[in-house]
């Protein structure tokens, strides 16, 4: 098996694992990691040969862009305090704690190398956290915080990592210079992200066609990452800024086709790249098992200690931080998503799984320093990093569903239903208001007006049937039953039409391009009914 065949196997597995994870009630990223680990043990499966410097630029931009599609800038702004506490404060604290422990127990390690280890294991993975938490029916406020933490903590951790590695390689470190580098990296990234987001938004308006717009959206995250890195900014923050800008401005309300096609496209991209990323984590076990053959027992002890620090620091940080957040929320009556109970805090603690960024940064540790020496304790740093990823991703990922069930943490269905109902009322009201304007401007038949008012009511009633009174609800139910029967018959009619057109495609003398044009017309009619 060659490298290309291995990637095709991972993509196929990424697709198959999705329904399998639903049946087994287990997170798909965890299953892909386990599958990669199994493949790594098979003799004919080759070692993965990817330049570590390419892992982050190839995998993170599309994963981050896809994750941002599920949120919005206003949601981040509303939760900025919680996100900053986790994505900045907790990353600094975890980096410092891991660096102190590693510096004390790992032989031959320098303080800068220990800080690099702390930085690369500090950030929970955004894909793992949201994929696992989202499938468990957790409250939306918790998922919002986990998404925000996962998306922004890589920014802090990667900058800290680069500063620490530079200090380890050169043997020099300046705190003011490091602080200035962190600040400039953020400023450059935001500037690049906003500029590219604005330019991409304008270009999408120029190209017009939904297919071209989606193709452009695939290029944008890679361009944003590469351009920011070229100007010594944070590529991760640039991608997030671009994605948030486009999420707010890219599509108008009536760009129905572009929005539907775009959502489907990015769901496919997210599924495939997530599968490849976590499959690669498992495959890299082959590399890790071959390091430190003579003193693996000692390395396991050190790795276990670092895992305990990573997991323990998160709990010790979250407990007081959540208490303070709840106090401020009560005193100031803020509209902010925070864990409201100790049970939710425990779930957030156990959701801190490491993943793609930690593995990529570990593999990117230089082999040598500027003084022609080996990078301090590189093999053991690599071993410890993978131990942290596997322990948090596999152990926590597999036990999180049990813990959620045990603690009884569930989404607030009533609150979600109330929001859905409120949006249904707003949609119905907007439709009726627009109909009144049209009625004033145009002379419409009374029967047509009555029918259109019923349709305006159905706009909201189909979203949330309980917005209509009991009498109208029964009438609406009967109309809905008739509509379902009508659509079923219409679909059967369109199916017969499509079969006939497809049969004509294989007949001699019929231009396939024209046949496909007619078939596309029928497909579009199927989406919106006859």
Protein backbone atom coordinates (compact mmCIF):
# COMPACT_ATOMS: atom_id res chain seq x y z
CA UNK A 1 0.00 0.00 0.00
CA UNK A 2 1.37 3.42 -0.94
CA UNK A 3 0.74 6.84 0.60
CA UNK A 4 -2.03 7.80 -1.84
CA UNK A 5 -3.92 4.54 -1.24
CA UNK A 6 -3.64 5.13 2.51
CA UNK A 7 -5.28 8.56 2.21
CA UNK A 8 -8.11 7.08 0.16
CA UNK A 9 -8.60 4.47 2.89
CA UNK A 10 -8.80 7.24 5.51
CA UNK A 11 -11.36 9.18 3.46
CA UNK A 12 -13.48 6.06 2.98
CA UNK A 13 -13.23 5.31 6.69
CA UNK A 14 -14.24 8.89 7.52
CA UNK A 15 -17.50 8.34 5.63
CA UNK A 16 -18.21 4.88 7.03
CA UNK A 17 -17.42 5.91 10.61
CA UNK A 18 -20.20 8.55 10.71
CA UNK A 19 -23.17 6.11 10.73
CA UNK A 20 -21.09 3.64 12.78
CA UNK A 21 -20.48 6.25 15.48
CA UNK A 22 -24.22 6.99 15.60
CA UNK A 23 -24.99 3.31 16.14
CA UNK A 24 -22.29 2.81 18.75
CA UNK A 25 -23.03 6.15 20.45
CA UNK A 26 -19.32 6.98 20.28
CA UNK A 27 -17.59 10.09 18.89
CA UNK A 28 -16.46 9.77 15.27
CA UNK A 29 -13.02 11.45 15.89
CA UNK A 30 -12.25 8.88 18.60
CA UNK A 31 -13.17 5.97 16.32
CA UNK A 32 -11.00 7.39 13.53
CA UNK A 33 -8.07 7.69 15.94
CA UNK A 34 -8.52 4.07 17.04
CA UNK A 35 -8.76 2.97 13.40
CA UNK A 36 -5.55 4.85 12.60
CA UNK A 37 -3.86 3.14 15.53
CA UNK A 38 -4.95 -0.28 14.24
CA UNK A 39 -3.68 0.54 10.74
CA UNK A 40 -0.33 1.61 12.23
CA UNK A 41 0.16 -1.90 13.61
CA UNK A 42 -0.45 -3.64 10.25
CA UNK A 43 2.91 -4.49 8.61
CA UNK A 44 2.02 -3.58 5.01
CA UNK A 45 0.59 -0.16 5.94
CA UNK A 46 3.32 2.43 5.25
CA UNK A 47 4.56 5.05 7.67
CA UNK A 48 3.00 8.44 7.04
CA UNK A 49 5.47 10.75 5.34
CA UNK A 50 4.13 14.29 5.59
CA UNK A 51 6.22 17.35 6.21
CA UNK A 52 5.16 18.45 9.74
CA UNK A 53 5.25 22.07 8.57
CA UNK A 54 2.42 21.25 6.13
CA UNK A 55 0.04 19.55 8.58
CA UNK A 56 -1.33 22.73 10.16
CA UNK A 57 -1.61 24.74 6.88
CA UNK A 58 -3.37 21.85 5.12
CA UNK A 59 -5.72 20.63 7.85
CA UNK A 60 -6.50 23.51 10.20
CA UNK A 61 -7.81 26.20 7.76
CA UNK A 62 -10.72 24.15 6.33
CA UNK A 63 -11.54 22.63 9.74
CA UNK A 64 -11.66 26.07 11.39
CA UNK A 65 -13.64 27.58 8.51
CA UNK A 66 -16.20 24.77 8.67
CA UNK A 67 -16.51 25.11 12.45
CA UNK A 68 -17.19 28.85 12.20
CA UNK A 69 -20.16 28.16 9.88
CA UNK A 70 -22.00 26.84 12.95
CA UNK A 71 -21.57 30.03 14.97
CA UNK A 72 -21.45 33.82 14.57
CA UNK A 73 -19.42 36.84 15.59
CA UNK A 74 -22.20 38.04 17.89
CA UNK A 75 -22.12 34.75 19.76
CA UNK A 76 -18.39 35.14 20.32
CA UNK A 77 -18.83 38.75 21.40
CA UNK A 78 -21.52 37.74 23.90
CA UNK A 79 -19.21 35.10 25.39
CA UNK A 80 -15.94 37.00 25.15
CA UNK A 81 -15.22 36.83 28.89
CA UNK A 82 -15.59 33.05 29.11
CA UNK A 83 -13.68 32.50 25.87
CA UNK A 84 -10.77 34.74 26.94
CA UNK A 85 -10.56 32.99 30.31
CA UNK A 86 -10.27 29.61 28.59
CA UNK A 87 -8.55 30.39 25.28
CA UNK A 88 -5.95 32.73 26.81
CA UNK A 89 -5.90 32.39 30.59
CA UNK A 90 -6.14 28.60 30.78
CA UNK A 91 -3.62 28.12 27.95
CA UNK A 92 -1.05 30.25 29.80
CA UNK A 93 -1.70 28.46 33.10
CA UNK A 94 -1.50 24.99 31.52
CA UNK A 95 1.68 25.89 29.64
CA UNK A 96 3.34 27.13 32.83
CA UNK A 97 2.27 24.10 34.90
CA UNK A 98 3.38 21.53 32.31
CA UNK A 99 6.67 23.40 31.75
CA UNK A 100 7.41 23.39 35.51
CA UNK A 101 6.73 19.65 35.83
CA UNK A 102 8.62 18.68 32.67
CA UNK A 103 11.60 20.82 33.65
CA UNK A 104 11.70 19.03 37.01
CA UNK A 105 11.37 15.40 35.87
CA UNK A 106 12.57 15.05 32.25
CA UNK A 107 16.35 14.55 32.09
CA UNK A 108 18.28 16.86 29.77
CA UNK A 109 15.38 19.17 28.97
CA UNK A 110 15.81 22.94 28.92
CA UNK A 111 13.24 25.34 30.32
CA UNK A 112 12.46 26.66 26.84
CA UNK A 113 11.88 23.12 25.52
CA UNK A 114 9.64 22.42 28.52
CA UNK A 115 7.63 25.56 27.68
CA UNK A 116 7.30 24.32 24.09
CA UNK A 117 5.87 21.06 25.43
CA UNK A 118 3.46 22.98 27.66
CA UNK A 119 2.29 25.15 24.77
CA UNK A 120 1.68 22.27 22.36
CA UNK A 121 -0.38 20.21 24.84
CA UNK A 122 -2.29 23.20 26.27
CA UNK A 123 -5.03 23.78 23.64
CA UNK A 124 -8.05 21.44 23.49
CA UNK A 125 -8.91 20.53 19.91
CA UNK A 126 -11.82 22.53 18.43
CA UNK A 127 -12.97 19.70 16.16
CA UNK A 128 -12.85 16.99 18.81
CA UNK A 129 -14.61 19.08 21.44
CA UNK A 130 -17.49 20.22 19.23
CA UNK A 131 -17.88 16.86 17.47
CA UNK A 132 -18.09 14.98 20.76
CA UNK A 133 -20.10 17.54 22.71
CA UNK A 134 -22.49 18.33 19.88
CA UNK A 135 -23.53 14.69 19.50
CA UNK A 136 -24.41 14.32 23.20
CA UNK A 137 -27.28 16.79 23.36
CA UNK A 138 -25.49 19.19 25.71
CA UNK A 139 -26.93 22.65 26.44
CA UNK A 140 -26.23 25.12 23.65
CA UNK A 141 -24.48 27.52 26.03
CA UNK A 142 -21.88 24.84 26.84
CA UNK A 143 -21.33 23.98 23.19
CA UNK A 144 -20.93 27.70 22.43
CA UNK A 145 -18.20 28.05 25.05
CA UNK A 146 -16.41 24.87 23.93
CA UNK A 147 -16.54 26.04 20.30
CA UNK A 148 -15.17 29.46 21.24
CA UNK A 149 -12.43 27.99 23.40
CA UNK A 150 -11.45 25.43 20.78
CA UNK A 151 -11.32 27.96 17.96
CA UNK A 152 -9.31 30.64 19.74
CA UNK A 153 -6.98 28.70 22.05
CA UNK A 154 -4.85 27.53 19.12
CA UNK A 155 -3.98 31.19 18.48
CA UNK A 156 -2.44 31.61 21.93
CA UNK A 157 -0.83 28.18 22.07
CA UNK A 158 0.82 28.33 18.63
CA UNK A 159 2.37 31.75 19.31
CA UNK A 160 3.67 30.55 22.70
CA UNK A 161 5.03 27.42 21.03
CA UNK A 162 6.94 29.37 18.37
CA UNK A 163 8.42 31.71 21.01
CA UNK A 164 9.52 28.76 23.16
CA UNK A 165 10.99 26.82 20.24
CA UNK A 166 12.88 29.90 19.04
CA UNK A 167 14.32 30.33 22.54
CA UNK A 168 15.30 26.65 22.72
CA UNK A 169 16.98 26.74 19.30
CA UNK A 170 18.82 30.06 19.75
CA UNK A 171 19.43 29.87 23.49
CA UNK A 172 18.09 33.41 23.92
CA UNK A 173 14.80 34.69 25.32
CA UNK A 174 13.39 38.17 25.94
CA UNK A 175 10.03 38.57 27.70
CA UNK A 176 9.30 42.04 26.20
CA UNK A 177 10.17 40.72 22.74
CA UNK A 178 7.89 37.71 23.24
CA UNK A 179 5.00 39.90 24.42
CA UNK A 180 5.50 42.24 21.46
CA UNK A 181 5.55 39.26 19.08
CA UNK A 182 2.27 37.98 20.53
CA UNK A 183 0.64 41.39 20.12
CA UNK A 184 1.93 41.98 16.58
CA UNK A 185 0.93 38.47 15.55
CA UNK A 186 -2.67 39.15 16.63
CA UNK A 187 -2.82 42.61 14.99
CA UNK A 188 -1.43 41.34 11.66
CA UNK A 189 -3.78 38.35 11.69
CA UNK A 190 -6.89 40.44 12.30
CA UNK A 191 -5.86 42.93 9.61
CA UNK A 192 -5.19 40.18 7.06
CA UNK A 193 -8.38 38.33 8.01
CA UNK A 194 -10.59 41.41 7.64
CA UNK A 195 -8.95 42.51 4.38
CA UNK A 196 -9.23 39.07 2.81
CA UNK A 197 -12.78 38.63 4.09
CA UNK A 198 -13.82 41.96 2.56
CA UNK A 199 -12.09 41.13 -0.76
CA UNK A 200 -13.61 37.63 -0.88
CA UNK A 201 -17.07 39.02 -0.16
CA UNK A 202 -16.76 41.50 -3.04
CA UNK A 203 -15.42 38.81 -5.36
CA UNK A 204 -18.33 36.49 -4.50
CA UNK A 205 -20.69 39.24 -5.55
CA UNK A 206 -18.84 39.56 -8.86
CA UNK A 207 -18.79 35.84 -9.75
CA UNK A 208 -22.47 35.48 -8.85
CA UNK A 209 -22.80 31.76 -9.62
CA UNK A 210 -23.30 29.58 -6.52
CA UNK A 211 -20.82 26.94 -7.71
CA UNK A 212 -18.06 29.53 -8.20
CA UNK A 213 -18.85 31.13 -4.84
CA UNK A 214 -18.46 27.81 -3.03
CA UNK A 215 -15.23 27.12 -4.92
CA UNK A 216 -13.92 30.50 -3.80
CA UNK A 217 -14.93 29.78 -0.20
CA UNK A 218 -12.69 26.68 -0.32
CA UNK A 219 -9.65 28.74 -1.35
CA UNK A 220 -10.21 31.59 1.11
CA UNK A 221 -9.20 29.86 4.39
CA UNK A 222 -5.94 28.56 2.89
CA UNK A 223 -5.14 31.99 1.44
CA UNK A 224 -5.91 33.69 4.75
CA UNK A 225 -3.66 31.31 6.69
CA UNK A 226 -0.76 31.52 4.24
CA UNK A 227 -0.92 35.31 3.85
CA UNK A 228 -0.97 35.91 7.61
CA UNK A 229 1.96 33.54 8.17
CA UNK A 230 3.88 35.29 5.39
CA UNK A 231 3.58 38.58 7.33
CA UNK A 232 4.45 36.85 10.65
CA UNK A 233 0.87 36.90 11.91
CA UNK A 234 -1.23 34.13 13.39
CA UNK A 235 -2.63 32.05 10.55
CA UNK A 236 -5.26 30.54 12.83
CA UNK A 237 -6.57 33.93 13.97
CA UNK A 238 -6.58 35.19 10.37
CA UNK A 239 -8.72 32.23 9.25
CA UNK A 240 -11.14 32.77 12.13
CA UNK A 241 -11.43 36.49 11.35
CA UNK A 242 -12.04 35.85 7.65
CA UNK A 243 -14.57 33.10 8.36
CA UNK A 244 -16.49 35.21 10.90
CA UNK A 245 -16.58 38.16 8.47
CA UNK A 246 -17.90 36.01 5.63
CA UNK A 247 -20.41 34.27 7.89
CA UNK A 248 -21.96 37.69 8.55
CA UNK A 249 -21.72 39.21 5.05
CA UNK A 250 -21.17 36.57 2.33
CA UNK A 251 -24.75 35.56 1.52
CA UNK A 252 -27.84 37.70 1.27
CA UNK A 253 -31.13 36.45 2.72
CA UNK A 254 -32.38 35.42 -0.72
CA UNK A 255 -29.21 33.53 -1.77
CA UNK A 256 -31.03 30.28 -1.12
CA UNK A 257 -29.14 28.03 -3.53
CA UNK A 258 -25.69 29.29 -2.50
CA UNK A 259 -26.52 28.84 1.17
CA UNK A 260 -27.91 25.30 0.73
CA UNK A 261 -25.08 24.18 -1.55
CA UNK A 262 -22.47 25.84 0.68
CA UNK A 263 -23.75 24.16 3.84
CA UNK A 264 -23.75 20.76 2.14
CA UNK A 265 -20.30 21.29 0.65
CA UNK A 266 -18.71 22.31 3.95
CA UNK A 267 -20.34 19.42 5.78
CA UNK A 268 -18.65 17.07 3.30
CA UNK A 269 -15.29 18.86 3.65
CA UNK A 270 -15.57 18.81 7.44
CA UNK A 271 -16.35 15.08 7.50
CA UNK A 272 -13.48 14.09 5.18
CA UNK A 273 -10.76 16.30 6.65
CA UNK A 274 -11.75 15.50 10.24
CA UNK A 275 -11.48 11.82 9.40
CA UNK A 276 -8.07 12.26 7.78
CA UNK A 277 -6.77 14.40 10.65
CA UNK A 278 -7.71 12.01 13.43
CA UNK A 279 -6.75 8.98 11.36
CA UNK A 280 -3.28 10.51 11.00
CA UNK A 281 -3.06 10.87 14.78
CA UNK A 282 -3.55 7.13 15.12
CA UNK A 283 -1.13 6.34 12.28
CA UNK A 284 1.62 8.44 13.88
CA UNK A 285 1.62 5.98 16.80
CA UNK A 286 3.98 3.89 14.67
CA UNK A 287 6.53 6.71 14.89
CA UNK A 288 6.03 7.23 18.62
CA UNK A 289 6.39 3.55 19.51
CA UNK A 290 9.81 3.49 17.86
CA UNK A 291 11.34 6.27 19.98
CA UNK A 292 13.03 5.78 23.29
CA UNK A 293 13.14 1.98 23.04
CA UNK A 294 15.66 1.67 25.87
CA UNK A 295 13.84 3.75 28.50
CA UNK A 296 10.18 3.53 27.55
CA UNK A 297 9.09 2.72 31.10
CA UNK A 298 10.56 5.96 32.43
CA UNK A 299 8.99 7.88 29.55
CA UNK A 300 5.58 6.39 30.39
CA UNK A 301 5.94 7.64 33.96
CA UNK A 302 6.80 11.14 32.79
CA UNK A 303 3.96 11.08 30.26
CA UNK A 304 1.47 9.94 32.92
CA UNK A 305 2.56 12.80 35.16
CA UNK A 306 2.09 15.37 32.39
CA UNK A 307 -1.34 13.93 31.51
CA UNK A 308 -2.35 14.26 35.15
CA UNK A 309 -1.16 17.88 35.19
CA UNK A 310 -3.02 18.76 31.96
CA UNK A 311 -6.27 17.20 33.17
CA UNK A 312 -5.94 18.42 36.76
CA UNK A 313 -5.05 22.02 35.91
CA UNK A 314 -8.17 22.29 33.75
CA UNK A 315 -10.40 21.21 36.63
CA UNK A 316 -8.64 23.42 39.20
CA UNK A 317 -8.94 26.38 36.82
CA UNK A 318 -12.56 25.80 35.80
CA UNK A 319 -14.04 25.41 39.28
CA UNK A 320 -13.19 28.92 40.57
CA UNK A 321 -13.53 30.51 37.11
CA UNK A 322 -17.06 29.12 36.71
CA UNK A 323 -18.02 30.26 40.22
CA UNK A 324 -16.80 33.80 39.50
CA UNK A 325 -18.58 33.82 36.14
CA UNK A 326 -21.86 32.74 37.78
CA UNK A 327 -21.51 35.46 40.44
CA UNK A 328 -20.90 38.15 37.81
CA UNK A 329 -23.78 36.80 35.73
CA UNK A 330 -26.12 37.08 38.73
CA UNK A 331 -24.94 40.51 39.86
CA UNK A 332 -24.87 42.16 36.43
CA UNK A 333 -27.62 40.15 34.72
CA UNK A 334 -25.38 39.63 31.69
CA UNK A 335 -26.48 37.85 28.55
CA UNK A 336 -23.59 35.40 28.50
CA UNK A 337 -23.33 31.64 28.06
CA UNK A 338 -21.69 30.11 31.15
CA UNK A 339 -21.87 26.72 32.90
CA UNK A 340 -24.73 27.21 35.39
CA UNK A 341 -24.13 24.17 37.65
CA UNK A 342 -21.21 22.19 38.99
CA UNK A 343 -22.32 19.29 36.78
CA UNK A 344 -21.92 21.42 33.66
CA UNK A 345 -18.49 22.54 34.90
CA UNK A 346 -17.44 18.90 35.28
CA UNK A 347 -18.60 18.13 31.74
CA UNK A 348 -16.64 21.11 30.40
CA UNK A 349 -13.58 19.86 32.29
CA UNK A 350 -13.83 16.37 30.81
CA UNK A 351 -14.41 17.79 27.30
CA UNK A 352 -10.86 19.20 27.05
CA UNK A 353 -9.56 16.71 24.47
CA UNK A 354 -6.34 17.39 22.56
CA UNK A 355 -5.97 16.64 18.87
CA UNK A 356 -4.63 17.83 15.52
CA UNK A 357 -2.78 20.99 16.59
CA UNK A 358 -0.92 19.22 19.41
CA UNK A 359 0.24 16.41 17.09
CA UNK A 360 1.31 18.79 14.31
CA UNK A 361 3.27 21.02 16.70
CA UNK A 362 4.95 18.00 18.31
CA UNK A 363 6.06 16.66 14.93
CA UNK A 364 7.32 20.12 13.95
CA UNK A 365 9.84 20.30 16.84
CA UNK A 366 13.26 20.94 15.22
CA UNK A 367 15.87 18.20 15.24
CA UNK A 368 18.78 20.48 16.14
CA UNK A 369 19.59 23.86 17.68
CA UNK A 370 21.70 26.74 16.37
CA UNK A 371 24.64 25.46 18.40
CA UNK A 372 24.82 22.23 16.35
CA UNK A 373 23.33 20.20 19.17
CA UNK A 374 20.24 18.00 19.32
CA UNK A 375 17.02 19.67 20.41
CA UNK A 376 16.75 18.99 24.17
CA UNK A 377 14.85 15.75 24.89
CA UNK A 378 13.05 15.86 21.52
CA UNK A 379 12.15 12.16 21.48
CA UNK A 380 10.65 12.28 24.95
CA UNK A 381 8.72 15.46 24.17
CA UNK A 382 7.22 13.71 21.15
CA UNK A 383 6.29 10.67 23.24
CA UNK A 384 4.71 12.78 25.99
CA UNK A 385 2.74 14.87 23.50
CA UNK A 386 1.20 11.79 21.90
CA UNK A 387 0.45 10.30 25.30
CA UNK A 388 -1.49 13.45 26.23
CA UNK A 389 -3.41 13.41 22.94
CA UNK A 390 -4.31 9.73 23.21
CA UNK A 391 -5.20 9.86 26.91
CA UNK A 392 -7.46 12.87 26.54
CA UNK A 393 -8.93 12.02 23.14
CA UNK A 394 -9.54 8.29 23.61
CA UNK A 395 -10.12 7.97 27.36
CA UNK A 396 -12.10 11.18 27.80
CA UNK A 397 -13.81 10.86 24.42
CA UNK A 398 -15.02 7.32 25.14
CA UNK A 399 -16.15 8.05 28.71
CA UNK A 400 -17.72 11.47 28.11
CA UNK A 401 -21.08 10.01 26.93
CA UNK A 402 -21.26 7.93 30.12
CA UNK A 403 -20.38 10.94 32.27
CA UNK A 404 -23.01 13.12 30.60
CA UNK A 405 -25.64 10.46 31.18
CA UNK A 406 -24.50 9.89 34.76
CA UNK A 407 -24.66 13.58 35.67
CA UNK A 408 -27.91 14.12 33.79
CA UNK A 409 -26.70 17.14 31.81
CA UNK A 410 -29.06 17.78 28.93
CA UNK A 411 -29.92 20.60 26.58
CA UNK A 412 -32.68 22.96 27.66
CA UNK A 413 -35.31 21.70 25.21
CA UNK A 414 -37.93 24.13 26.49
CA UNK A 415 -35.67 27.14 25.92
CA UNK A 416 -34.79 25.93 22.42
CA UNK A 417 -38.47 25.38 21.68
CA UNK A 418 -39.32 28.90 22.93
CA UNK A 419 -36.64 30.43 20.68
CA UNK A 420 -37.88 28.39 17.72
CA UNK A 421 -41.43 29.55 18.43
CA UNK A 422 -40.36 33.20 18.71
CA UNK A 423 -38.50 32.98 15.37
CA UNK A 424 -41.54 31.33 13.75
CA UNK A 425 -43.71 34.23 14.93
CA UNK A 426 -41.20 36.76 13.58
CA UNK A 427 -41.06 34.97 10.21
CA UNK A 428 -44.86 34.82 9.99
CA UNK A 429 -45.23 38.48 10.99
CA UNK A 430 -42.66 39.59 8.40
CA UNK A 431 -44.45 37.61 5.68
CA UNK A 432 -47.84 39.09 6.59
CA UNK A 433 -46.45 42.63 6.78
CA UNK A 434 -44.95 42.26 3.32
CA UNK A 435 -48.27 40.89 2.03
CA UNK A 436 -50.10 43.95 3.41
CA UNK A 437 -47.68 46.24 1.55
CA UNK A 438 -48.30 44.34 -1.69
CA UNK A 439 -52.06 44.47 -1.08
CA UNK A 440 -51.89 48.28 -0.79
CA UNK A 441 -49.77 48.64 -3.93
CA UNK A 442 -51.55 46.13 -6.17
CA UNK A 443 -55.13 45.19 -6.90
CA UNK A 444 -55.50 41.55 -5.90
CA UNK A 445 -58.48 39.24 -6.06
CA UNK A 446 -60.09 38.68 -2.63
CA UNK A 447 -59.84 34.91 -3.00
CA UNK A 448 -56.15 35.23 -3.83
CA UNK A 449 -55.59 37.53 -0.84
CA UNK A 450 -57.30 35.06 1.49
CA UNK A 451 -55.16 32.23 0.15
CA UNK A 452 -51.97 34.30 0.56
CA UNK A 453 -52.83 35.14 4.18
CA UNK A 454 -53.24 31.42 4.85
CA UNK A 455 -49.85 30.85 3.26
CA UNK A 456 -48.34 33.59 5.46
CA UNK A 457 -49.75 31.83 8.52
CA UNK A 458 -48.30 28.53 7.31
CA UNK A 459 -44.83 30.09 7.06
CA UNK A 460 -44.68 30.15 10.85
CA UNK A 461 -46.99 27.21 11.54
CA UNK A 462 -44.74 24.79 9.65
CA UNK A 463 -41.81 25.83 11.84
CA UNK A 464 -43.75 25.79 15.13
CA UNK A 465 -47.35 24.52 14.86
CA UNK A 466 -48.32 25.69 18.35
CA UNK A 467 -48.20 29.39 17.36
CA UNK A 468 -51.74 29.07 15.97
CA UNK A 469 -54.84 28.67 18.14
CA UNK A 470 -56.57 25.31 18.65
CA UNK A 471 -59.21 25.86 15.98
CA UNK A 472 -56.73 26.96 13.35
CA UNK A 473 -54.31 24.22 14.40
CA UNK A 474 -56.77 21.53 13.34
CA UNK A 475 -57.39 23.28 10.03
CA UNK A 476 -53.66 23.66 9.51
CA UNK A 477 -53.10 19.97 10.25
CA UNK A 478 -55.67 19.00 7.61
CA UNK A 479 -54.09 21.34 5.04
CA UNK A 480 -50.67 19.94 5.91
CA UNK A 481 -51.91 16.38 5.37
CA UNK A 482 -53.31 17.37 1.96
CA UNK A 483 -50.05 19.13 1.12
CA UNK A 484 -48.01 16.03 2.00
CA UNK A 485 -50.22 13.88 -0.22
CA UNK A 486 -49.89 16.44 -3.03
CA UNK A 487 -46.11 16.54 -2.71
CA UNK A 488 -45.88 12.74 -2.67
CA UNK A 489 -47.85 12.51 -5.91
CA UNK A 490 -45.88 15.38 -7.44
CA UNK A 491 -42.62 13.65 -6.58
CA UNK A 492 -43.83 10.44 -8.19
CA UNK A 493 -44.68 12.43 -11.33
CA UNK A 494 -41.29 14.11 -11.36
CA UNK A 495 -39.59 10.76 -10.77
CA UNK A 496 -41.26 9.36 -13.90
CA UNK A 497 -40.15 12.45 -15.82
CA UNK A 498 -36.55 12.08 -14.63
CA UNK A 499 -36.43 8.39 -15.57
CA UNK A 500 -37.64 9.23 -19.07
CA UNK A 501 -35.04 11.98 -19.51
CA UNK A 502 -32.26 9.73 -18.18
CA UNK A 503 -33.30 7.03 -20.64
CA UNK A 504 -33.02 9.60 -23.45
CA UNK A 505 -29.42 10.33 -22.39
CA UNK A 506 -28.26 6.93 -23.65
CA UNK A 507 -30.16 7.14 -26.94
CA UNK A 508 -28.12 7.95 -30.07
CA UNK A 509 -28.40 11.49 -31.39
CA UNK A 510 -29.27 13.12 -28.07
CA UNK A 511 -26.72 15.66 -26.83
CA UNK A 512 -25.82 14.69 -23.20
CA UNK A 513 -25.27 18.34 -22.25
CA UNK A 514 -28.81 19.29 -23.28
CA UNK A 515 -30.22 16.22 -21.53
CA UNK A 516 -28.36 17.18 -18.34
CA UNK A 517 -29.72 20.73 -18.61
CA UNK A 518 -33.29 19.38 -18.73
CA UNK A 519 -32.54 16.99 -15.87
CA UNK A 520 -31.20 19.84 -13.75
CA UNK A 521 -34.43 21.74 -14.39
CA UNK A 522 -36.43 18.74 -13.15
CA UNK A 523 -34.15 18.37 -10.12
CA UNK A 524 -34.70 22.01 -9.17
CA UNK A 525 -38.47 21.53 -9.57
CA UNK A 526 -38.22 18.56 -7.20
CA UNK A 527 -36.55 20.72 -4.56
CA UNK A 528 -39.35 23.28 -4.54
CA UNK A 529 -42.29 21.17 -5.83
CA UNK A 530 -44.16 21.44 -9.13
